[in-house]
């Protein structure tokens, strides 16, 4: 296997894994209590969801395109 083939194979595997992880995150968020008034939501739920939002925002900021800099 050439270096280029290995790079492409590893990239494809990482890409697939990233898609799987985002699907798991989506499912995790869908499984959290909905703000519909039917579910009792406590401060621990608020804190957990805020923490999740902070970590997702950090991930997005870390991977932001460089051309956003003015």
PDB file of N, CA and C in Angstrom:
ATOM      1  N   UNK A   1       0.843  -1.172   0.000  1.00  0.00           N
ATOM      2  CA  UNK A   1       0.000   0.000   0.000  1.00  0.00           C
ATOM      3  C   UNK A   1       0.893   1.242   0.000  1.00  0.00           C
ATOM      4  N   UNK A   2       0.609   2.149  -0.883  1.00  0.00           N
ATOM      5  CA  UNK A   2       1.399   3.382  -0.963  1.00  0.00           C
ATOM      6  C   UNK A   2       0.992   4.323   0.171  1.00  0.00           C
ATOM      7  N   UNK A   3       1.822   5.318   0.387  1.00  0.00           N
ATOM      8  CA  UNK A   3       1.540   6.313   1.412  1.00  0.00           C
ATOM      9  C   UNK A   3       0.215   7.027   1.114  1.00  0.00           C
ATOM     10  N   UNK A   4      -0.014   7.365  -0.137  1.00  0.00           N
ATOM     11  CA  UNK A   4      -1.245   8.048  -0.538  1.00  0.00           C
ATOM     12  C   UNK A   4      -2.463   7.166  -0.274  1.00  0.00           C
ATOM     13  N   UNK A   5      -2.357   5.883  -0.578  1.00  0.00           N
ATOM     14  CA  UNK A   5      -3.472   4.957  -0.344  1.00  0.00           C
ATOM     15  C   UNK A   5      -3.765   4.826   1.158  1.00  0.00           C
ATOM     16  N   UNK A   6      -2.693   4.787   1.941  1.00  0.00           N
ATOM     17  CA  UNK A   6      -2.887   4.683   3.392  1.00  0.00           C
ATOM     18  C   UNK A   6      -3.550   5.945   3.933  1.00  0.00           C
ATOM     19  N   UNK A   7      -3.112   7.099   3.467  1.00  0.00           N
ATOM     20  CA  UNK A   7      -3.721   8.370   3.895  1.00  0.00           C
ATOM     21  C   UNK A   7      -5.206   8.360   3.564  1.00  0.00           C
ATOM     22  N   UNK A   8      -5.545   7.969   2.341  1.00  0.00           N
ATOM     23  CA  UNK A   8      -6.949   7.964   1.920  1.00  0.00           C
ATOM     24  C   UNK A   8      -7.767   6.957   2.728  1.00  0.00           C
ATOM     25  N   UNK A   9      -7.198   5.794   3.020  1.00  0.00           N
ATOM     26  CA  UNK A   9      -7.887   4.782   3.815  1.00  0.00           C
ATOM     27  C   UNK A   9      -8.123   5.280   5.235  1.00  0.00           C
ATOM     28  N   UNK A  10      -7.099   5.859   5.840  1.00  0.00           N
ATOM     29  CA  UNK A  10      -7.218   6.378   7.205  1.00  0.00           C
ATOM     30  C   UNK A  10      -8.204   7.544   7.271  1.00  0.00           C
ATOM     31  N   UNK A  11      -8.174   8.415   6.266  1.00  0.00           N
ATOM     32  CA  UNK A  11      -9.094   9.549   6.232  1.00  0.00           C
ATOM     33  C   UNK A  11     -10.533   9.058   6.110  1.00  0.00           C
ATOM     34  N   UNK A  12     -10.761   8.086   5.242  1.00  0.00           N
ATOM     35  CA  UNK A  12     -12.110   7.537   5.064  1.00  0.00           C
ATOM     36  C   UNK A  12     -12.609   6.920   6.364  1.00  0.00           C
ATOM     37  N   UNK A  13     -11.748   6.211   7.073  1.00  0.00           N
ATOM     38  CA  UNK A  13     -12.137   5.601   8.347  1.00  0.00           C
ATOM     39  C   UNK A  13     -12.460   6.672   9.388  1.00  0.00           C
ATOM     40  N   UNK A  14     -11.635   7.708   9.458  1.00  0.00           N
ATOM     41  CA  UNK A  14     -11.872   8.792  10.415  1.00  0.00           C
ATOM     42  C   UNK A  14     -13.158   9.545  10.073  1.00  0.00           C
ATOM     43  N   UNK A  15     -13.404   9.741   8.795  1.00  0.00           N
ATOM     44  CA  UNK A  15     -14.621  10.429   8.350  1.00  0.00           C
ATOM     45  C   UNK A  15     -15.862   9.632   8.753  1.00  0.00           C
ATOM     46  N   UNK A  16     -15.829   8.336   8.522  1.00  0.00           N
ATOM     47  CA  UNK A  16     -16.942   7.467   8.908  1.00  0.00           C
ATOM     48  C   UNK A  16     -17.163   7.513  10.410  1.00  0.00           C
ATOM     49  N   UNK A  17     -16.080   7.468  11.168  1.00  0.00           N
ATOM     50  CA  UNK A  17     -16.181   7.514  12.622  1.00  0.00           C
ATOM     51  C   UNK A  17     -16.774   8.842  13.083  1.00  0.00           C
ATOM     52  N   UNK A  18     -16.355   9.942  12.489  1.00  0.00           N
ATOM     53  CA  UNK A  18     -16.890  11.265  12.845  1.00  0.00           C
ATOM     54  C   UNK A  18     -18.391  11.333  12.574  1.00  0.00           C
ATOM     55  N   UNK A  19     -18.836  10.794  11.461  1.00  0.00           N
ATOM     56  CA  UNK A  19     -20.267  10.767  11.136  1.00  0.00           C
ATOM     57  C   UNK A  19     -21.016   9.946  12.183  1.00  0.00           C
ATOM     58  N   UNK A  20     -20.474   8.797  12.555  1.00  0.00           N
ATOM     59  CA  UNK A  20     -21.115   7.954  13.564  1.00  0.00           C
ATOM     60  C   UNK A  20     -21.214   8.673  14.908  1.00  0.00           C
ATOM     61  N   UNK A  21     -20.161   9.388  15.285  1.00  0.00           N
ATOM     62  CA  UNK A  21     -20.182  10.126  16.545  1.00  0.00           C
ATOM     63  C   UNK A  21     -21.212  11.249  16.519  1.00  0.00           C
ATOM     64  N   UNK A  22     -21.327  11.958  15.401  1.00  0.00           N
ATOM     65  CA  UNK A  22     -22.320  13.032  15.329  1.00  0.00           C
ATOM     66  C   UNK A  22     -23.735  12.464  15.378  1.00  0.00           C
ATOM     67  N   UNK A  23     -23.928  11.287  14.814  1.00  0.00           N
ATOM     68  CA  UNK A  23     -25.245  10.640  14.896  1.00  0.00           C
ATOM     69  C   UNK A  23     -25.556  10.262  16.344  1.00  0.00           C
ATOM     70  N   UNK A  24     -24.554   9.800  17.081  1.00  0.00           N
ATOM     71  CA  UNK A  24     -24.761   9.468  18.495  1.00  0.00           C
ATOM     72  C   UNK A  24     -25.063  10.718  19.315  1.00  0.00           C
ATOM     73  N   UNK A  25     -24.389  11.829  18.996  1.00  0.00           N
ATOM     74  CA  UNK A  25     -24.667  13.092  19.693  1.00  0.00           C
ATOM     75  C   UNK A  25     -26.096  13.535  19.406  1.00  0.00           C
ATOM     76  N   UNK A  26     -26.504  13.451  18.156  1.00  0.00           N
ATOM     77  CA  UNK A  26     -27.873  13.819  17.780  1.00  0.00           C
ATOM     78  C   UNK A  26     -28.880  12.977  18.559  1.00  0.00           C
ATOM     79  N   UNK A  27     -28.651  11.681  18.660  1.00  0.00           N
ATOM     80  CA  UNK A  27     -29.557  10.811  19.399  1.00  0.00           C
ATOM     81  C   UNK A  27     -29.564  11.153  20.884  1.00  0.00           C
ATOM     82  N   UNK A  28     -28.387  11.442  21.431  1.00  0.00           N
ATOM     83  CA  UNK A  28     -28.292  11.812  22.835  1.00  0.00           C
ATOM     84  C   UNK A  28     -29.124  13.064  23.116  1.00  0.00           C
ATOM     85  N   UNK A  29     -29.030  14.057  22.229  1.00  0.00           N
ATOM     86  CA  UNK A  29     -29.795  15.290  22.405  1.00  0.00           C
ATOM     87  C   UNK A  29     -31.295  15.049  22.260  1.00  0.00           C
ATOM     88  N   UNK A  30     -31.669  14.187  21.345  1.00  0.00           N
ATOM     89  CA  UNK A  30     -33.089  13.873  21.176  1.00  0.00           C
ATOM     90  C   UNK A  30     -33.638  13.125  22.383  1.00  0.00           C
ATOM     91  N   UNK A  31     -32.773  12.407  23.097  1.00  0.00           N
ATOM     92  CA  UNK A  31     -33.191  11.649  24.270  1.00  0.00           C
ATOM     93  C   UNK A  31     -33.264  12.497  25.542  1.00  0.00           C
ATOM     94  N   UNK A  32     -32.763  13.732  25.488  1.00  0.00           N
ATOM     95  CA  UNK A  32     -32.866  14.594  26.667  1.00  0.00           C
ATOM     96  C   UNK A  32     -34.305  15.058  26.828  1.00  0.00           C
ATOM     97  N   UNK A  33     -34.689  15.438  28.054  1.00  0.00           N
ATOM     98  CA  UNK A  33     -36.057  15.895  28.252  1.00  0.00           C
ATOM     99  C   UNK A  33     -36.386  17.091  27.350  1.00  0.00           C
ATOM    100  N   UNK A  34     -37.527  17.031  26.705  1.00  0.00           N
ATOM    101  CA  UNK A  34     -37.950  18.112  25.821  1.00  0.00           C
ATOM    102  C   UNK A  34     -38.550  19.248  26.650  1.00  0.00           C
ATOM    103  N   UNK A  35     -38.333  20.489  26.223  1.00  0.00           N
ATOM    104  CA  UNK A  35     -38.916  21.627  26.947  1.00  0.00           C
ATOM    105  C   UNK A  35     -40.393  21.811  26.570  1.00  0.00           C
ATOM    106  N   UNK A  36     -41.201  20.814  26.893  1.00  0.00           N
ATOM    107  CA  UNK A  36     -42.600  20.830  26.465  1.00  0.00           C
ATOM    108  C   UNK A  36     -43.580  21.048  27.604  1.00  0.00           C
ATOM    109  N   UNK A  37     -43.069  21.198  28.836  1.00  0.00           N
ATOM    110  CA  UNK A  37     -43.934  21.386  29.980  1.00  0.00           C
ATOM    111  C   UNK A  37     -44.499  20.089  30.531  1.00  0.00           C
ATOM    112  N   UNK A  38     -44.287  18.982  29.835  1.00  0.00           N
ATOM    113  CA  UNK A  38     -44.814  17.690  30.281  1.00  0.00           C
ATOM    114  C   UNK A  38     -43.808  16.925  31.128  1.00  0.00           C
ATOM    115  N   UNK A  39     -42.534  17.301  31.024  1.00  0.00           N
ATOM    116  CA  UNK A  39     -41.464  16.614  31.733  1.00  0.00           C
ATOM    117  C   UNK A  39     -40.912  17.542  32.810  1.00  0.00           C
ATOM    118  N   UNK A  40     -40.670  16.985  33.990  1.00  0.00           N
ATOM    119  CA  UNK A  40     -40.060  17.780  35.049  1.00  0.00           C
ATOM    120  C   UNK A  40     -38.574  17.909  34.752  1.00  0.00           C
ATOM    121  N   UNK A  41     -38.145  19.136  34.594  1.00  0.00           N
ATOM    122  CA  UNK A  41     -36.740  19.425  34.295  1.00  0.00           C
ATOM    123  C   UNK A  41     -36.143  20.120  35.505  1.00  0.00           C
ATOM    124  N   UNK A  42     -34.981  19.630  35.943  1.00  0.00           N
ATOM    125  CA  UNK A  42     -34.314  20.215  37.099  1.00  0.00           C
ATOM    126  C   UNK A  42     -33.064  20.980  36.690  1.00  0.00           C
ATOM    127  N   UNK A  43     -32.464  21.629  37.692  1.00  0.00           N
ATOM    128  CA  UNK A  43     -31.258  22.402  37.423  1.00  0.00           C
ATOM    129  C   UNK A  43     -30.117  21.524  36.938  1.00  0.00           C
ATOM    130  N   UNK A  44     -30.101  20.261  37.360  1.00  0.00           N
ATOM    131  CA  UNK A  44     -29.058  19.358  36.876  1.00  0.00           C
ATOM    132  C   UNK A  44     -29.205  19.135  35.373  1.00  0.00           C
ATOM    133  N   UNK A  45     -30.448  19.074  34.876  1.00  0.00           N
ATOM    134  CA  UNK A  45     -30.683  18.943  33.436  1.00  0.00           C
ATOM    135  C   UNK A  45     -30.200  20.186  32.689  1.00  0.00           C
ATOM    136  N   UNK A  46     -30.472  21.358  33.275  1.00  0.00           N
ATOM    137  CA  UNK A  46     -30.023  22.620  32.669  1.00  0.00           C
ATOM    138  C   UNK A  46     -28.503  22.648  32.596  1.00  0.00           C
ATOM    139  N   UNK A  47     -27.859  22.289  33.706  1.00  0.00           N
ATOM    140  CA  UNK A  47     -26.397  22.306  33.739  1.00  0.00           C
ATOM    141  C   UNK A  47     -25.777  21.334  32.752  1.00  0.00           C
ATOM    142  N   UNK A  48     -26.340  20.132  32.679  1.00  0.00           N
ATOM    143  CA  UNK A  48     -25.817  19.129  31.759  1.00  0.00           C
ATOM    144  C   UNK A  48     -25.952  19.608  30.311  1.00  0.00           C
ATOM    145  N   UNK A  49     -27.097  20.152  29.964  1.00  0.00           N
ATOM    146  CA  UNK A  49     -27.308  20.612  28.591  1.00  0.00           C
ATOM    147  C   UNK A  49     -26.434  21.823  28.267  1.00  0.00           C
ATOM    148  N   UNK A  50     -26.275  22.726  29.224  1.00  0.00           N
ATOM    149  CA  UNK A  50     -25.382  23.882  29.003  1.00  0.00           C
ATOM    150  C   UNK A  50     -23.945  23.415  28.805  1.00  0.00           C
ATOM    151  N   UNK A  51     -23.522  22.439  29.606  1.00  0.00           N
ATOM    152  CA  UNK A  51     -22.166  21.903  29.465  1.00  0.00           C
ATOM    153  C   UNK A  51     -21.983  21.278  28.076  1.00  0.00           C
ATOM    154  N   UNK A  52     -22.982  20.551  27.629  1.00  0.00           N
ATOM    155  CA  UNK A  52     -22.935  19.962  26.284  1.00  0.00           C
ATOM    156  C   UNK A  52     -22.817  21.057  25.234  1.00  0.00           C
ATOM    157  N   UNK A  53     -23.596  22.117  25.390  1.00  0.00           N
ATOM    158  CA  UNK A  53     -23.546  23.230  24.427  1.00  0.00           C
ATOM    159  C   UNK A  53     -22.167  23.881  24.399  1.00  0.00           C
ATOM    160  N   UNK A  54     -21.567  24.072  25.568  1.00  0.00           N
ATOM    161  CA  UNK A  54     -20.232  24.670  25.642  1.00  0.00           C
ATOM    162  C   UNK A  54     -19.218  23.799  24.906  1.00  0.00           C
ATOM    163  N   UNK A  55     -19.270  22.502  25.130  1.00  0.00           N
ATOM    164  CA  UNK A  55     -18.306  21.604  24.484  1.00  0.00           C
ATOM    165  C   UNK A  55     -18.512  21.565  22.979  1.00  0.00           C
ATOM    166  N   UNK A  56     -19.772  21.577  22.529  1.00  0.00           N
ATOM    167  CA  UNK A  56     -20.042  21.596  21.086  1.00  0.00           C
ATOM    168  C   UNK A  56     -19.562  22.905  20.471  1.00  0.00           C
ATOM    169  N   UNK A  57     -19.791  24.026  21.168  1.00  0.00           N
ATOM    170  CA  UNK A  57     -19.330  25.320  20.668  1.00  0.00           C
ATOM    171  C   UNK A  57     -17.813  25.352  20.563  1.00  0.00           C
ATOM    172  N   UNK A  58     -17.123  24.811  21.571  1.00  0.00           N
ATOM    173  CA  UNK A  58     -15.655  24.742  21.522  1.00  0.00           C
ATOM    174  C   UNK A  58     -15.188  23.932  20.325  1.00  0.00           C
ATOM    175  N   UNK A  59     -15.868  22.843  20.065  1.00  0.00           N
ATOM    176  CA  UNK A  59     -15.509  22.003  18.919  1.00  0.00           C
ATOM    177  C   UNK A  59     -15.683  22.781  17.620  1.00  0.00           C
ATOM    178  N   UNK A  60     -16.783  23.496  17.512  1.00  0.00           N
ATOM    179  CA  UNK A  60     -17.021  24.283  16.293  1.00  0.00           C
ATOM    180  C   UNK A  60     -15.997  25.395  16.140  1.00  0.00           C
ATOM    181  N   UNK A  61     -15.643  26.045  17.227  1.00  0.00           N
ATOM    182  CA  UNK A  61     -14.654  27.129  17.164  1.00  0.00           C
ATOM    183  C   UNK A  61     -13.278  26.598  16.813  1.00  0.00           C
ATOM    184  N   UNK A  62     -12.938  25.429  17.314  1.00  0.00           N
ATOM    185  CA  UNK A  62     -11.641  24.811  17.022  1.00  0.00           C
ATOM    186  C   UNK A  62     -11.516  24.469  15.545  1.00  0.00           C
ATOM    187  N   UNK A  63     -12.635  24.132  14.909  1.00  0.00           N
ATOM    188  CA  UNK A  63     -12.612  23.719  13.526  1.00  0.00           C
ATOM    189  C   UNK A  63     -13.133  24.786  12.568  1.00  0.00           C
ATOM    190  N   UNK A  64     -13.222  26.024  13.040  1.00  0.00           N
ATOM    191  CA  UNK A  64     -13.686  27.110  12.185  1.00  0.00           C
ATOM    192  C   UNK A  64     -12.664  27.392  11.095  1.00  0.00           C
ATOM    193  N   UNK A  65     -13.135  27.733   9.899  1.00  0.00           N
ATOM    194  CA  UNK A  65     -12.198  28.057   8.810  1.00  0.00           C
ATOM    195  C   UNK A  65     -11.358  29.284   9.167  1.00  0.00           C
ATOM    196  N   UNK A  66     -10.134  29.267   8.731  1.00  0.00           N
ATOM    197  CA  UNK A  66      -9.205  30.364   9.002  1.00  0.00           C
ATOM    198  C   UNK A  66      -9.632  31.662   8.316  1.00  0.00           C
ATOM    199  N   UNK A  67     -10.389  31.582   7.234  1.00  0.00           N
ATOM    200  CA  UNK A  67     -10.722  32.799   6.489  1.00  0.00           C
ATOM    201  C   UNK A  67     -11.811  33.621   7.187  1.00  0.00           C
ATOM    202  N   UNK A  68     -12.283  33.210   8.368  1.00  0.00           N
ATOM    203  CA  UNK A  68     -13.228  34.014   9.140  1.00  0.00           C
ATOM    204  C   UNK A  68     -12.540  35.178   9.846  1.00  0.00           C
ATOM    205  N   UNK A  69     -11.207  35.162   9.885  1.00  0.00           N
ATOM    206  CA  UNK A  69     -10.459  36.220  10.552  1.00  0.00           C
ATOM    207  C   UNK A  69     -10.461  37.462   9.685  1.00  0.00           C
ATOM    208  N   UNK A  70     -10.822  38.598  10.298  1.00  0.00           N
ATOM    209  CA  UNK A  70     -10.883  39.866   9.525  1.00  0.00           C
ATOM    210  C   UNK A  70      -9.602  40.618   9.609  1.00  0.00           C
TER     211      UNK A  70
END
